[in-house]
Amino acid sequence: MKKHIPNTITCLNLFCGCLAVYFAFHGNLVYSAYLVGLAAVLDFMDGMLARLLRAYSEIGKQLDSLADMVSFGFVPGVLMYHLLERALAQQDTFLGISSTVFPFLGFLITIFSALRLAKFNIDTRQTTSFIGMPTPACTIFVSSLPLILANDAFGIAEVVLNPFLLAFLCFLLSYLLVAEIPLFALKFKNLSWKDNSVRFIFVLLAAMLSVLFGFTAVPFIIALYIILSILKPSYS
């Protein structure tokens, strides 16, 4: 019976992704963003429970990737599509492209998420760390944007909804998903500072940024994650 528990959690992750898409297409990007957060928690839990219960299975591995493709592949593309659509609401064209067509650029993230997940499944180098940006990190970055807009304590809505910035993020995030950049995983094998210094530093700084800036801190936390990984590439 216990072998089915991790897969059940994975299915709940998938269900959250489906609901996030539903709410996005009904104009409620904030609900979608919260569901992404819940999906990320469930995605962490299924792997943890599989390890604790020793319930690894090949079908579980494949199911996890399929669920991630929806929750952390399709969802960020949908969110970015709607953000671009909103940013271009008052324009007929952008860079010579119809404003009804340009938002589809958001699905570039979906395509590169699929490439990322396919690569991860066959890359034996990514057992204890990552090569390229994990899809949950990319999706959390994108889903933080509607939350920043809904809680715009710093008056940066115009910056977030700048179509040039959003287009740039589509290309940057797509590149980072498949880039040959080693990134640490937030898996603590022990509590030793020597073995986990980069993780402790990241968690501490991320907590401080979250307290100070709320949802606005999320893109900076993801950027911090990448910067720390590049500055300190040697970790277990």
Protein backbone atom coordinates (compact mmCIF):
# COMPACT_ATOMS: atom_id res chain seq x y z
CA MET A 1 0.00 0.00 0.00
CA LYS A 2 2.78 2.42 0.95
CA LYS A 3 4.28 2.23 -2.54
CA HIS A 4 1.22 4.07 -3.88
CA ILE A 5 1.55 7.04 -1.49
CA PRO A 6 4.27 8.94 -3.43
CA ASN A 7 2.41 8.44 -6.72
CA THR A 8 -0.79 9.74 -5.11
CA ILE A 9 1.06 12.88 -4.04
CA THR A 10 2.40 13.22 -7.59
CA CYS A 11 -1.14 13.00 -8.95
CA LEU A 12 -2.20 15.77 -6.58
CA ASN A 13 0.65 17.86 -7.97
CA LEU A 14 -0.73 17.22 -11.45
CA PHE A 15 -4.24 18.15 -10.31
CA CYS A 16 -2.94 21.46 -8.93
CA GLY A 17 -1.37 22.14 -12.34
CA CYS A 18 -4.68 21.43 -14.08
CA LEU A 19 -6.51 23.78 -11.71
CA ALA A 20 -3.85 26.45 -12.25
CA VAL A 21 -4.48 26.32 -16.00
CA TYR A 22 -8.25 26.50 -15.42
CA PHE A 23 -8.00 29.61 -13.25
CA ALA A 24 -5.49 31.26 -15.60
CA PHE A 25 -7.85 30.93 -18.56
CA HIS A 26 -10.63 32.35 -16.40
CA GLY A 27 -8.55 35.42 -15.62
CA ASN A 28 -7.51 34.59 -12.05
CA LEU A 29 -3.73 34.44 -12.24
CA VAL A 30 -3.40 34.88 -8.49
CA TYR A 31 -5.19 31.59 -7.78
CA SER A 32 -2.99 29.97 -10.42
CA ALA A 33 0.12 31.29 -8.66
CA TYR A 34 -0.98 29.91 -5.30
CA LEU A 35 -1.68 26.54 -6.89
CA VAL A 36 1.83 26.54 -8.35
CA GLY A 37 3.15 26.98 -4.82
CA LEU A 38 1.06 24.04 -3.61
CA ALA A 39 2.22 21.95 -6.57
CA ALA A 40 5.84 22.73 -5.69
CA VAL A 41 5.29 21.56 -2.10
CA LEU A 42 3.69 18.34 -3.34
CA ASP A 43 6.52 17.84 -5.84
CA PHE A 44 9.00 18.04 -2.95
CA MET A 45 6.90 15.72 -0.77
CA ASP A 46 6.52 12.90 -3.30
CA GLY A 47 10.29 12.52 -3.64
CA MET A 48 10.82 12.77 0.12
CA LEU A 49 8.16 10.16 0.83
CA ALA A 50 9.54 7.86 -1.86
CA ARG A 51 12.91 7.98 -0.08
CA LEU A 52 11.46 7.56 3.41
CA LEU A 53 9.17 4.69 2.41
CA ARG A 54 11.67 3.20 -0.01
CA ALA A 55 8.90 3.24 -2.58
CA TYR A 56 10.90 4.01 -5.70
CA SER A 57 9.43 2.75 -8.95
CA GLU A 58 9.97 3.34 -12.65
CA ILE A 59 6.34 4.33 -13.09
CA GLY A 60 6.75 6.85 -10.27
CA LYS A 61 9.72 8.42 -12.04
CA GLN A 62 7.79 8.73 -15.30
CA LEU A 63 4.64 9.96 -13.58
CA ASP A 64 6.65 12.65 -11.81
CA SER A 65 7.97 14.00 -15.11
CA LEU A 66 4.52 13.95 -16.71
CA ALA A 67 3.01 15.82 -13.75
CA ASP A 68 5.87 18.33 -13.81
CA MET A 69 5.29 18.94 -17.50
CA VAL A 70 1.83 20.24 -16.66
CA SER A 71 2.46 22.01 -13.36
CA PHE A 72 5.92 23.35 -14.19
CA GLY A 73 5.90 23.31 -17.98
CA PHE A 74 2.48 24.17 -19.35
CA VAL A 75 1.41 26.41 -16.46
CA PRO A 76 4.29 28.94 -16.72
CA GLY A 77 3.68 29.20 -20.47
CA VAL A 78 0.00 29.94 -19.83
CA LEU A 79 0.81 32.51 -17.15
CA MET A 80 3.36 34.25 -19.34
CA TYR A 81 0.89 34.26 -22.24
CA HIS A 82 -1.67 36.08 -20.09
CA LEU A 83 0.90 38.50 -18.70
CA LEU A 84 2.02 39.43 -22.23
CA GLU A 85 -1.60 39.72 -23.31
CA ARG A 86 -2.29 42.09 -20.43
CA ALA A 87 0.88 44.09 -21.13
CA LEU A 88 -0.17 44.57 -24.76
CA ALA A 89 -3.86 45.21 -24.09
CA GLN A 90 -3.65 48.80 -25.29
CA GLN A 91 -1.54 48.10 -28.38
CA ASP A 92 -2.46 46.73 -31.80
CA THR A 93 1.07 45.63 -32.63
CA PHE A 94 4.37 45.13 -30.84
CA LEU A 95 7.70 45.03 -32.70
CA GLY A 96 5.67 44.70 -35.88
CA ILE A 97 3.79 41.64 -34.60
CA SER A 98 0.07 41.59 -33.89
CA SER A 99 -0.68 41.98 -30.18
CA THR A 100 -2.96 38.94 -30.43
CA VAL A 101 -0.08 36.80 -31.71
CA PHE A 102 2.89 38.07 -29.69
CA PRO A 103 1.70 36.66 -26.31
CA PHE A 104 2.19 33.14 -27.67
CA LEU A 105 5.88 33.78 -27.09
CA GLY A 106 5.13 32.73 -23.52
CA PHE A 107 4.84 29.12 -24.63
CA LEU A 108 8.52 29.14 -25.49
CA ILE A 109 8.96 28.42 -21.78
CA THR A 110 6.69 25.38 -22.13
CA ILE A 111 8.74 24.03 -25.04
CA PHE A 112 12.05 24.44 -23.21
CA SER A 113 10.54 22.97 -20.05
CA ALA A 114 9.77 19.81 -22.05
CA LEU A 115 13.35 19.76 -23.32
CA ARG A 116 14.60 20.27 -19.78
CA LEU A 117 12.52 17.41 -18.35
CA ALA A 118 13.48 15.04 -21.17
CA LYS A 119 17.14 15.90 -20.65
CA PHE A 120 16.86 15.42 -16.89
CA ASN A 121 15.42 11.93 -17.31
CA ILE A 122 18.45 10.66 -19.21
CA ASP A 123 21.22 12.78 -17.65
CA THR A 124 23.08 10.72 -15.03
CA ARG A 125 24.95 13.81 -13.82
CA GLN A 126 21.86 15.19 -12.07
CA THR A 127 21.48 12.77 -9.17
CA THR A 128 22.64 15.13 -6.39
CA SER A 129 22.55 18.51 -8.17
CA PHE A 130 21.10 20.07 -11.31
CA ILE A 131 22.46 21.03 -14.70
CA GLY A 132 20.29 23.92 -15.81
CA MET A 133 17.42 25.61 -14.02
CA PRO A 134 14.87 23.18 -12.49
CA THR A 135 11.36 23.61 -13.90
CA PRO A 136 9.80 24.33 -10.46
CA ALA A 137 12.22 27.25 -9.95
CA CYS A 138 11.35 28.65 -13.37
CA THR A 139 7.62 28.32 -12.69
CA ILE A 140 7.86 29.89 -9.24
CA PHE A 141 9.64 32.85 -10.85
CA VAL A 142 6.88 33.30 -13.44
CA SER A 143 4.03 32.73 -10.99
CA SER A 144 5.45 35.35 -8.62
CA LEU A 145 4.74 38.07 -11.21
CA PRO A 146 0.91 37.98 -10.85
CA LEU A 147 1.35 38.01 -7.06
CA ILE A 148 3.61 41.06 -7.30
CA LEU A 149 0.99 42.79 -9.44
CA ALA A 150 -1.78 41.92 -6.99
CA ASN A 151 0.26 43.13 -4.00
CA ASP A 152 2.11 46.03 -5.59
CA ALA A 153 3.51 47.59 -2.41
CA PHE A 154 6.46 49.11 -4.27
CA GLY A 155 4.62 50.54 -7.29
CA ILE A 156 6.39 48.42 -9.89
CA ALA A 157 3.38 47.19 -11.86
CA GLU A 158 4.45 49.12 -14.94
CA VAL A 159 7.89 47.52 -14.77
CA VAL A 160 6.47 44.00 -14.43
CA LEU A 161 4.06 44.56 -17.31
CA ASN A 162 6.69 45.98 -19.63
CA PRO A 163 6.40 43.84 -22.79
CA PHE A 164 10.13 44.16 -23.48
CA LEU A 165 10.93 42.79 -20.01
CA LEU A 166 8.43 39.94 -20.33
CA ALA A 167 9.75 39.00 -23.78
CA PHE A 168 13.31 39.08 -22.42
CA LEU A 169 12.29 36.81 -19.53
CA CYS A 170 10.76 34.33 -21.99
CA PHE A 171 14.11 33.97 -23.75
CA LEU A 172 16.24 34.10 -20.59
CA LEU A 173 14.23 31.51 -18.66
CA SER A 174 14.07 29.22 -21.71
CA TYR A 175 17.85 29.40 -22.01
CA LEU A 176 18.45 28.76 -18.31
CA LEU A 177 16.25 25.64 -18.41
CA VAL A 178 18.67 23.88 -20.76
CA ALA A 179 21.93 25.72 -20.03
CA GLU A 180 24.98 23.73 -18.95
CA ILE A 181 25.09 25.55 -15.62
CA PRO A 182 25.52 23.46 -12.45
CA LEU A 183 23.00 24.40 -9.75
CA PHE A 184 22.81 23.02 -6.23
CA ALA A 185 19.84 21.04 -4.97
CA LEU A 186 18.19 21.91 -1.66
CA LYS A 187 18.82 18.45 -0.22
CA PHE A 188 20.56 18.38 3.16
CA LYS A 189 22.32 15.04 3.70
CA ASN A 190 23.50 16.32 7.10
CA LEU A 191 23.68 19.61 9.01
CA SER A 192 27.41 20.15 8.49
CA TRP A 193 28.36 23.71 7.49
CA LYS A 194 31.21 22.37 5.36
CA ASP A 195 28.89 20.19 3.27
CA ASN A 196 25.96 22.61 3.12
CA SER A 197 27.37 26.14 3.39
CA VAL A 198 25.85 27.30 0.10
CA ARG A 199 22.47 25.89 1.11
CA PHE A 200 22.53 27.55 4.54
CA ILE A 201 23.53 30.89 3.03
CA PHE A 202 20.79 30.65 0.42
CA VAL A 203 18.06 29.72 2.91
CA LEU A 204 19.08 32.53 5.28
CA LEU A 205 19.22 35.20 2.57
CA ALA A 206 15.98 33.96 0.98
CA ALA A 207 14.19 34.16 4.33
CA MET A 208 15.47 37.70 4.92
CA LEU A 209 14.40 38.86 1.45
CA SER A 210 10.96 37.30 1.87
CA VAL A 211 10.38 39.05 5.20
CA LEU A 212 11.52 42.40 3.81
CA PHE A 213 9.90 42.38 0.39
CA GLY A 214 7.20 39.67 0.35
CA PHE A 215 6.28 38.35 -3.09
CA THR A 216 8.50 40.97 -4.74
CA ALA A 217 11.49 39.07 -3.36
CA VAL A 218 10.76 35.86 -5.28
CA PRO A 219 12.45 36.78 -8.62
CA PHE A 220 15.48 38.01 -6.67
CA ILE A 221 15.58 34.78 -4.64
CA ILE A 222 15.63 32.73 -7.85
CA ALA A 223 18.39 34.99 -9.20
CA LEU A 224 20.29 34.55 -5.92
CA TYR A 225 19.99 30.77 -6.29
CA ILE A 226 21.61 30.91 -9.71
CA ILE A 227 24.33 33.37 -8.65
CA LEU A 228 25.32 31.34 -5.57
CA SER A 229 25.47 28.19 -7.70
CA ILE A 230 27.81 29.88 -10.18
CA LEU A 231 30.02 31.44 -7.47
CA LYS A 232 30.32 28.20 -5.50
CA PRO A 233 30.04 25.32 -7.98
CA SER A 234 31.68 22.75 -5.68
CA TYR A 235 29.05 21.19 -3.46
CA SER A 236 27.90 17.70 -2.60
